[in-house]
Amino acid sequence: MVEFIKKYRIFFITMGIISVITLYLFYNALKPAKTLPIYNPAMVNPELVDSTVQHIGRNHRIADFKFVNQNGDTITQKNYEGKVYVADFFFTTCPTICPIMTKNMVDIQDAIVDNDEVLLLSHTVTPDIDDVPTLKRYAVENGVVDSKWNLVTGAKEDIYEIARKSYLAVKLGKPEEIHDMVHTENFVLVDQYSRVRGFYDGTKKEDVARLIEDINWLTQKYN
């Protein structure tokens, strides 16, 4: 038996290699292709969606916006046109989840800093506190790269509108206070066509890793 194996060892090795290649090809052929959902308001937890848009089940896109960033520059949807980007909501004096979210957003920034197709966008939910100098100080303290990441402020009603009617990511605050809102830990992935493609827990490393993978998939798919 040993002599038989030695005599035909090249044949067995060749067949082994062919078998491995065949199994690999079958696996890749049968493996489901990666996809990402396109989110509409009707698909999302109603707590995070304004009642006026909860019925929308198709063709949802991020609405036009106009805010001011940490450098005092006006930022609109034009700055993000044709880009993949990650949006979130925070405030600079938040002592709980915001420091974790910011650190994880820095990790995302590091991962996409050389990718011209990807940007970041963070909105304050306390614009009365987070003016331009405050945002600039926060940006410097946290290593924000201005060309990749805008921290924006603006009229509270405008931030409320974009948060609950476009990004579908912020809870209502005190009912007696108009446009009051409570941010969540959500990082929102937006594609090149201003469509919401994913929600990720910005406090969890595993979600952030998945988000980075999905960013790379989106940039490759549409380019």
C-alpha atoms as a PDB file:
ATOM      1  CA  MET A   1       0.000   0.000   0.000  1.00  0.00           C
ATOM      2  CA  VAL A   2       2.808   2.368   0.928  1.00  0.00           C
ATOM      3  CA  GLU A   3       4.589   1.579  -2.328  1.00  0.00           C
ATOM      4  CA  PHE A   4       1.370   2.160  -4.263  1.00  0.00           C
ATOM      5  CA  ILE A   5       0.923   5.605  -2.661  1.00  0.00           C
ATOM      6  CA  LYS A   6       4.548   6.523  -3.364  1.00  0.00           C
ATOM      7  CA  LYS A   7       4.213   5.414  -6.977  1.00  0.00           C
ATOM      8  CA  TYR A   8       1.144   7.554  -7.586  1.00  0.00           C
ATOM      9  CA  ARG A   9       1.872  10.382  -5.165  1.00  0.00           C
ATOM     10  CA  ILE A  10       2.009  13.035  -7.890  1.00  0.00           C
ATOM     11  CA  PHE A  11      -1.411  11.895  -9.110  1.00  0.00           C
ATOM     12  CA  PHE A  12      -2.874  12.088  -5.595  1.00  0.00           C
ATOM     13  CA  ILE A  13      -1.331  15.510  -4.952  1.00  0.00           C
ATOM     14  CA  THR A  14      -2.661  16.820  -8.270  1.00  0.00           C
ATOM     15  CA  MET A  15      -6.143  15.463  -7.584  1.00  0.00           C
ATOM     16  CA  GLY A  16      -6.054  16.979  -4.096  1.00  0.00           C
ATOM     17  CA  ILE A  17      -5.209  20.408  -5.483  1.00  0.00           C
ATOM     18  CA  ILE A  18      -7.928  20.121  -8.128  1.00  0.00           C
ATOM     19  CA  SER A  19     -10.455  19.110  -5.446  1.00  0.00           C
ATOM     20  CA  VAL A  20      -9.606  22.111  -3.277  1.00  0.00           C
ATOM     21  CA  ILE A  21      -9.901  24.502  -6.230  1.00  0.00           C
ATOM     22  CA  THR A  22     -13.200  22.917  -7.291  1.00  0.00           C
ATOM     23  CA  LEU A  23     -14.667  23.207  -3.794  1.00  0.00           C
ATOM     24  CA  TYR A  24     -13.541  26.846  -3.591  1.00  0.00           C
ATOM     25  CA  LEU A  25     -15.165  27.667  -6.937  1.00  0.00           C
ATOM     26  CA  PHE A  26     -18.399  25.917  -5.942  1.00  0.00           C
ATOM     27  CA  TYR A  27     -18.444  27.764  -2.618  1.00  0.00           C
ATOM     28  CA  ASN A  28     -18.046  31.149  -4.283  1.00  0.00           C
ATOM     29  CA  ALA A  29     -20.612  30.301  -6.939  1.00  0.00           C
ATOM     30  CA  LEU A  30     -23.205  29.246  -4.372  1.00  0.00           C
ATOM     31  CA  LYS A  31     -22.441  31.919  -1.765  1.00  0.00           C
ATOM     32  CA  PRO A  32     -25.173  34.605  -1.766  1.00  0.00           C
ATOM     33  CA  ALA A  33     -23.979  37.912  -3.228  1.00  0.00           C
ATOM     34  CA  LYS A  34     -23.600  40.675  -0.648  1.00  0.00           C
ATOM     35  CA  THR A  35     -26.414  43.220  -0.575  1.00  0.00           C
ATOM     36  CA  LEU A  36     -27.419  46.151   1.592  1.00  0.00           C
ATOM     37  CA  PRO A  37     -31.043  47.185   2.118  1.00  0.00           C
ATOM     38  CA  ILE A  38     -32.326  50.576   1.022  1.00  0.00           C
ATOM     39  CA  TYR A  39     -34.138  51.937   4.053  1.00  0.00           C
ATOM     40  CA  ASN A  40     -37.417  53.807   3.904  1.00  0.00           C
ATOM     41  CA  PRO A  41     -39.281  55.333   6.882  1.00  0.00           C
ATOM     42  CA  ALA A  42     -41.872  52.547   6.953  1.00  0.00           C
ATOM     43  CA  MET A  43     -39.067  50.023   7.655  1.00  0.00           C
ATOM     44  CA  VAL A  44     -37.623  51.841  10.681  1.00  0.00           C
ATOM     45  CA  ASN A  45     -38.584  51.940  14.372  1.00  0.00           C
ATOM     46  CA  PRO A  46     -41.380  54.568  14.524  1.00  0.00           C
ATOM     47  CA  GLU A  47     -39.787  56.081  17.636  1.00  0.00           C
ATOM     48  CA  LEU A  48     -36.996  57.377  15.410  1.00  0.00           C
ATOM     49  CA  VAL A  49     -39.176  58.657  12.578  1.00  0.00           C
ATOM     50  CA  ASP A  50     -41.351  61.757  12.388  1.00  0.00           C
ATOM     51  CA  SER A  51     -45.027  60.844  12.168  1.00  0.00           C
ATOM     52  CA  THR A  52     -45.420  62.788   8.907  1.00  0.00           C
ATOM     53  CA  VAL A  53     -43.124  60.406   7.004  1.00  0.00           C
ATOM     54  CA  GLN A  54     -43.718  57.066   8.728  1.00  0.00           C
ATOM     55  CA  HIS A  55     -45.959  55.925   5.872  1.00  0.00           C
ATOM     56  CA  ILE A  56     -43.296  56.307   3.162  1.00  0.00           C
ATOM     57  CA  GLY A  57     -42.266  52.921   1.817  1.00  0.00           C
ATOM     58  CA  ARG A  58     -40.141  53.781  -1.215  1.00  0.00           C
ATOM     59  CA  ASN A  59     -37.855  56.355  -2.837  1.00  0.00           C
ATOM     60  CA  HIS A  60     -36.730  57.900   0.454  1.00  0.00           C
ATOM     61  CA  ARG A  61     -33.680  60.147   0.207  1.00  0.00           C
ATOM     62  CA  ILE A  62     -31.881  62.599   2.455  1.00  0.00           C
ATOM     63  CA  ALA A  63     -33.453  66.045   2.030  1.00  0.00           C
ATOM     64  CA  ASP A  64     -31.478  69.139   1.100  1.00  0.00           C
ATOM     65  CA  PHE A  65     -29.761  70.757   4.068  1.00  0.00           C
ATOM     66  CA  LYS A  66     -27.708  73.783   5.020  1.00  0.00           C
ATOM     67  CA  PHE A  67     -25.594  73.917   8.179  1.00  0.00           C
ATOM     68  CA  VAL A  68     -22.366  75.527   9.445  1.00  0.00           C
ATOM     69  CA  ASN A  69     -19.310  73.469  10.321  1.00  0.00           C
ATOM     70  CA  GLN A  70     -16.471  73.757  12.835  1.00  0.00           C
ATOM     71  CA  ASN A  71     -14.640  76.240  10.605  1.00  0.00           C
ATOM     72  CA  GLY A  72     -17.633  78.503  10.040  1.00  0.00           C
ATOM     73  CA  ASP A  73     -18.111  77.191   6.498  1.00  0.00           C
ATOM     74  CA  THR A  74     -21.566  76.557   5.060  1.00  0.00           C
ATOM     75  CA  ILE A  75     -22.134  72.854   4.418  1.00  0.00           C
ATOM     76  CA  THR A  76     -24.951  71.646   2.153  1.00  0.00           C
ATOM     77  CA  GLN A  77     -25.954  68.451   0.389  1.00  0.00           C
ATOM     78  CA  LYS A  78     -23.745  69.610  -2.498  1.00  0.00           C
ATOM     79  CA  ASN A  79     -20.661  68.888  -0.366  1.00  0.00           C
ATOM     80  CA  TYR A  80     -21.831  65.264  -0.110  1.00  0.00           C
ATOM     81  CA  GLU A  81     -23.215  64.819  -3.592  1.00  0.00           C
ATOM     82  CA  GLY A  82     -22.075  61.542  -5.140  1.00  0.00           C
ATOM     83  CA  LYS A  83     -20.291  60.492  -1.947  1.00  0.00           C
ATOM     84  CA  VAL A  84     -20.743  57.662   0.505  1.00  0.00           C
ATOM     85  CA  TYR A  85     -20.958  59.123   3.993  1.00  0.00           C
ATOM     86  CA  VAL A  86     -21.631  58.311   7.621  1.00  0.00           C
ATOM     87  CA  ALA A  87     -23.902  60.619   9.615  1.00  0.00           C
ATOM     88  CA  ASP A  88     -24.586  60.780  13.331  1.00  0.00           C
ATOM     89  CA  PHE A  89     -25.975  63.050  16.048  1.00  0.00           C
ATOM     90  CA  PHE A  90     -24.168  64.109  19.218  1.00  0.00           C
ATOM     91  CA  PHE A  91     -23.426  67.024  21.506  1.00  0.00           C
ATOM     92  CA  THR A  92     -20.080  68.169  22.833  1.00  0.00           C
ATOM     93  CA  THR A  93     -21.037  68.089  26.523  1.00  0.00           C
ATOM     94  CA  CYS A  94     -22.512  64.580  26.397  1.00  0.00           C
ATOM     95  CA  PRO A  95     -20.781  62.532  29.150  1.00  0.00           C
ATOM     96  CA  THR A  96     -22.153  59.092  28.274  1.00  0.00           C
ATOM     97  CA  ILE A  97     -22.169  57.562  24.788  1.00  0.00           C
ATOM     98  CA  CYS A  98     -20.794  60.514  22.794  1.00  0.00           C
ATOM     99  CA  PRO A  99     -17.120  60.083  23.777  1.00  0.00           C
ATOM    100  CA  ILE A 100     -17.324  56.425  22.713  1.00  0.00           C
ATOM    101  CA  MET A 101     -19.086  57.326  19.462  1.00  0.00           C
ATOM    102  CA  THR A 102     -16.560  60.032  18.686  1.00  0.00           C
ATOM    103  CA  LYS A 103     -13.639  57.681  19.284  1.00  0.00           C
ATOM    104  CA  ASN A 104     -15.212  55.113  16.986  1.00  0.00           C
ATOM    105  CA  MET A 105     -15.902  57.767  14.352  1.00  0.00           C
ATOM    106  CA  VAL A 106     -12.203  58.652  14.525  1.00  0.00           C
ATOM    107  CA  ASP A 107     -11.467  54.992  13.752  1.00  0.00           C
ATOM    108  CA  ILE A 108     -13.734  55.243  10.711  1.00  0.00           C
ATOM    109  CA  GLN A 109     -11.970  58.454   9.701  1.00  0.00           C
ATOM    110  CA  ASP A 110      -8.620  56.666   9.903  1.00  0.00           C
ATOM    111  CA  ALA A 111      -9.967  53.859   7.722  1.00  0.00           C
ATOM    112  CA  ILE A 112     -11.301  56.178   4.983  1.00  0.00           C
ATOM    113  CA  VAL A 113      -8.901  59.129   5.190  1.00  0.00           C
ATOM    114  CA  ASP A 114      -7.333  58.287   1.808  1.00  0.00           C
ATOM    115  CA  ASN A 115     -10.623  57.395   0.128  1.00  0.00           C
ATOM    116  CA  ASP A 116     -11.900  60.441  -1.764  1.00  0.00           C
ATOM    117  CA  GLU A 117     -15.330  58.831  -2.136  1.00  0.00           C
ATOM    118  CA  VAL A 118     -16.178  58.834   1.583  1.00  0.00           C
ATOM    119  CA  LEU A 119     -16.992  61.595   4.097  1.00  0.00           C
ATOM    120  CA  LEU A 120     -18.341  61.950   7.647  1.00  0.00           C
ATOM    121  CA  LEU A 121     -21.037  64.272   9.014  1.00  0.00           C
ATOM    122  CA  SER A 122     -21.900  64.850  12.682  1.00  0.00           C
ATOM    123  CA  HIS A 123     -24.818  67.055  13.751  1.00  0.00           C
ATOM    124  CA  THR A 124     -25.122  68.579  17.199  1.00  0.00           C
ATOM    125  CA  VAL A 125     -28.517  68.220  18.880  1.00  0.00           C
ATOM    126  CA  THR A 126     -27.755  71.170  21.186  1.00  0.00           C
ATOM    127  CA  PRO A 127     -27.031  73.979  18.728  1.00  0.00           C
ATOM    128  CA  ASP A 128     -27.715  76.584  21.413  1.00  0.00           C
ATOM    129  CA  ILE A 129     -24.583  75.285  23.203  1.00  0.00           C
ATOM    130  CA  ASP A 130     -22.478  73.984  20.338  1.00  0.00           C
ATOM    131  CA  ASP A 131     -21.585  77.111  18.391  1.00  0.00           C
ATOM    132  CA  VAL A 132     -18.743  77.229  15.848  1.00  0.00           C
ATOM    133  CA  PRO A 133     -15.901  77.876  18.349  1.00  0.00           C
ATOM    134  CA  THR A 134     -17.155  75.044  20.565  1.00  0.00           C
ATOM    135  CA  LEU A 135     -17.302  72.651  17.631  1.00  0.00           C
ATOM    136  CA  LYS A 136     -13.827  73.725  16.509  1.00  0.00           C
ATOM    137  CA  ARG A 137     -12.396  73.072  19.950  1.00  0.00           C
ATOM    138  CA  TYR A 138     -14.071  69.655  20.030  1.00  0.00           C
ATOM    139  CA  ALA A 139     -12.750  68.887  16.554  1.00  0.00           C
ATOM    140  CA  VAL A 140      -9.175  69.755  17.485  1.00  0.00           C
ATOM    141  CA  GLU A 141      -9.360  67.774  20.729  1.00  0.00           C
ATOM    142  CA  ASN A 142     -10.557  64.688  18.872  1.00  0.00           C
ATOM    143  CA  GLY A 143      -8.292  64.790  15.842  1.00  0.00           C
ATOM    144  CA  VAL A 144     -10.948  65.630  13.267  1.00  0.00           C
ATOM    145  CA  VAL A 145      -9.588  65.935   9.720  1.00  0.00           C
ATOM    146  CA  ASP A 146     -11.460  68.933   8.297  1.00  0.00           C
ATOM    147  CA  SER A 147     -11.420  67.647   4.719  1.00  0.00           C
ATOM    148  CA  LYS A 148     -13.121  64.383   5.756  1.00  0.00           C
ATOM    149  CA  TRP A 149     -15.402  65.203   8.661  1.00  0.00           C
ATOM    150  CA  ASN A 150     -17.803  68.085   9.261  1.00  0.00           C
ATOM    151  CA  LEU A 151     -19.234  68.799  12.703  1.00  0.00           C
ATOM    152  CA  VAL A 152     -22.248  70.979  12.038  1.00  0.00           C
ATOM    153  CA  THR A 153     -24.633  73.239  13.875  1.00  0.00           C
ATOM    154  CA  GLY A 154     -27.654  75.251  12.770  1.00  0.00           C
ATOM    155  CA  ALA A 155     -31.234  76.080  13.615  1.00  0.00           C
ATOM    156  CA  LYS A 156     -32.655  73.518  16.008  1.00  0.00           C
ATOM    157  CA  GLU A 157     -35.765  72.953  13.902  1.00  0.00           C
ATOM    158  CA  ASP A 158     -33.586  72.205  10.850  1.00  0.00           C
ATOM    159  CA  ILE A 159     -31.521  69.652  12.770  1.00  0.00           C
ATOM    160  CA  TYR A 160     -34.723  68.103  14.126  1.00  0.00           C
ATOM    161  CA  GLU A 161     -36.175  67.860  10.613  1.00  0.00           C
ATOM    162  CA  ILE A 162     -33.114  66.220   9.084  1.00  0.00           C
ATOM    163  CA  ALA A 163     -32.693  63.861  12.032  1.00  0.00           C
ATOM    164  CA  ARG A 164     -36.223  62.485  12.133  1.00  0.00           C
ATOM    165  CA  LYS A 165     -37.426  62.954   8.554  1.00  0.00           C
ATOM    166  CA  SER A 166     -34.259  62.081   6.621  1.00  0.00           C
ATOM    167  CA  TYR A 167     -31.792  60.074   8.704  1.00  0.00           C
ATOM    168  CA  LEU A 168     -34.533  58.373  10.788  1.00  0.00           C
ATOM    169  CA  ALA A 169     -32.185  58.255  13.757  1.00  0.00           C
ATOM    170  CA  VAL A 170     -33.264  60.524  16.623  1.00  0.00           C
ATOM    171  CA  LYS A 171     -35.897  60.147  19.336  1.00  0.00           C
ATOM    172  CA  LEU A 172     -38.370  62.769  20.488  1.00  0.00           C
ATOM    173  CA  GLY A 173     -37.359  64.733  23.551  1.00  0.00           C
ATOM    174  CA  LYS A 174     -39.686  66.466  25.967  1.00  0.00           C
ATOM    175  CA  PRO A 175     -43.159  66.684  24.395  1.00  0.00           C
ATOM    176  CA  GLU A 176     -43.739  70.138  25.840  1.00  0.00           C
ATOM    177  CA  GLU A 177     -40.611  71.541  24.147  1.00  0.00           C
ATOM    178  CA  ILE A 178     -40.886  72.095  20.412  1.00  0.00           C
ATOM    179  CA  HIS A 179     -38.177  70.394  18.324  1.00  0.00           C
ATOM    180  CA  ASP A 180     -36.662  68.770  21.400  1.00  0.00           C
ATOM    181  CA  MET A 181     -34.753  65.609  20.520  1.00  0.00           C
ATOM    182  CA  VAL A 182     -32.608  62.891  22.059  1.00  0.00           C
ATOM    183  CA  HIS A 183     -29.831  61.491  19.912  1.00  0.00           C
ATOM    184  CA  THR A 184     -29.179  57.763  19.702  1.00  0.00           C
ATOM    185  CA  GLU A 185     -26.027  55.712  19.256  1.00  0.00           C
ATOM    186  CA  ASN A 186     -26.842  55.239  15.556  1.00  0.00           C
ATOM    187  CA  PHE A 187     -24.282  55.731  12.819  1.00  0.00           C
ATOM    188  CA  VAL A 188     -26.200  56.071   9.539  1.00  0.00           C
ATOM    189  CA  LEU A 189     -24.655  54.928   6.253  1.00  0.00           C
ATOM    190  CA  VAL A 190     -25.743  56.947   3.212  1.00  0.00           C
ATOM    191  CA  ASP A 191     -24.899  55.973  -0.351  1.00  0.00           C
ATOM    192  CA  GLN A 192     -23.952  58.001  -3.431  1.00  0.00           C
ATOM    193  CA  TYR A 193     -27.626  58.546  -4.236  1.00  0.00           C
ATOM    194  CA  SER A 194     -28.534  59.992  -0.811  1.00  0.00           C
ATOM    195  CA  ARG A 195     -30.254  56.765   0.252  1.00  0.00           C
ATOM    196  CA  VAL A 196     -30.003  55.291   3.751  1.00  0.00           C
ATOM    197  CA  ARG A 197     -28.241  51.919   3.496  1.00  0.00           C
ATOM    198  CA  GLY A 198     -27.578  50.962   7.108  1.00  0.00           C
ATOM    199  CA  PHE A 199     -27.776  51.669  10.831  1.00  0.00           C
ATOM    200  CA  TYR A 200     -24.937  50.713  13.178  1.00  0.00           C
ATOM    201  CA  ASP A 201     -24.401  50.974  16.912  1.00  0.00           C
ATOM    202  CA  GLY A 202     -21.695  53.609  17.182  1.00  0.00           C
ATOM    203  CA  THR A 203     -20.666  52.367  20.623  1.00  0.00           C
ATOM    204  CA  LYS A 204     -19.787  48.841  19.481  1.00  0.00           C
ATOM    205  CA  LYS A 205     -16.498  47.987  17.801  1.00  0.00           C
ATOM    206  CA  GLU A 206     -18.013  45.048  15.922  1.00  0.00           C
ATOM    207  CA  ASP A 207     -20.678  47.295  14.393  1.00  0.00           C
ATOM    208  CA  VAL A 208     -18.045  49.848  13.426  1.00  0.00           C
ATOM    209  CA  ALA A 209     -15.976  47.122  11.755  1.00  0.00           C
ATOM    210  CA  ARG A 210     -19.081  46.002   9.826  1.00  0.00           C
ATOM    211  CA  LEU A 211     -19.765  49.615   8.849  1.00  0.00           C
ATOM    212  CA  ILE A 212     -16.255  50.020   7.424  1.00  0.00           C
ATOM    213  CA  GLU A 213     -16.749  46.820   5.393  1.00  0.00           C
ATOM    214  CA  ASP A 214     -20.057  48.138   4.060  1.00  0.00           C
ATOM    215  CA  ILE A 215     -18.480  51.491   3.161  1.00  0.00           C
ATOM    216  CA  ASN A 216     -15.838  49.687   1.121  1.00  0.00           C
ATOM    217  CA  TRP A 217     -18.498  47.531  -0.550  1.00  0.00           C
ATOM    218  CA  LEU A 218     -20.557  50.588  -1.533  1.00  0.00           C
ATOM    219  CA  THR A 219     -17.587  52.461  -2.990  1.00  0.00           C
ATOM    220  CA  GLN A 220     -16.531  49.431  -5.030  1.00  0.00           C
ATOM    221  CA  LYS A 221     -20.059  48.563  -6.186  1.00  0.00           C
ATOM    222  CA  TYR A 222     -20.948  51.977  -7.562  1.00  0.00           C
ATOM    223  CA  ASN A 223     -17.525  52.834  -8.956  1.00  0.00           C
END
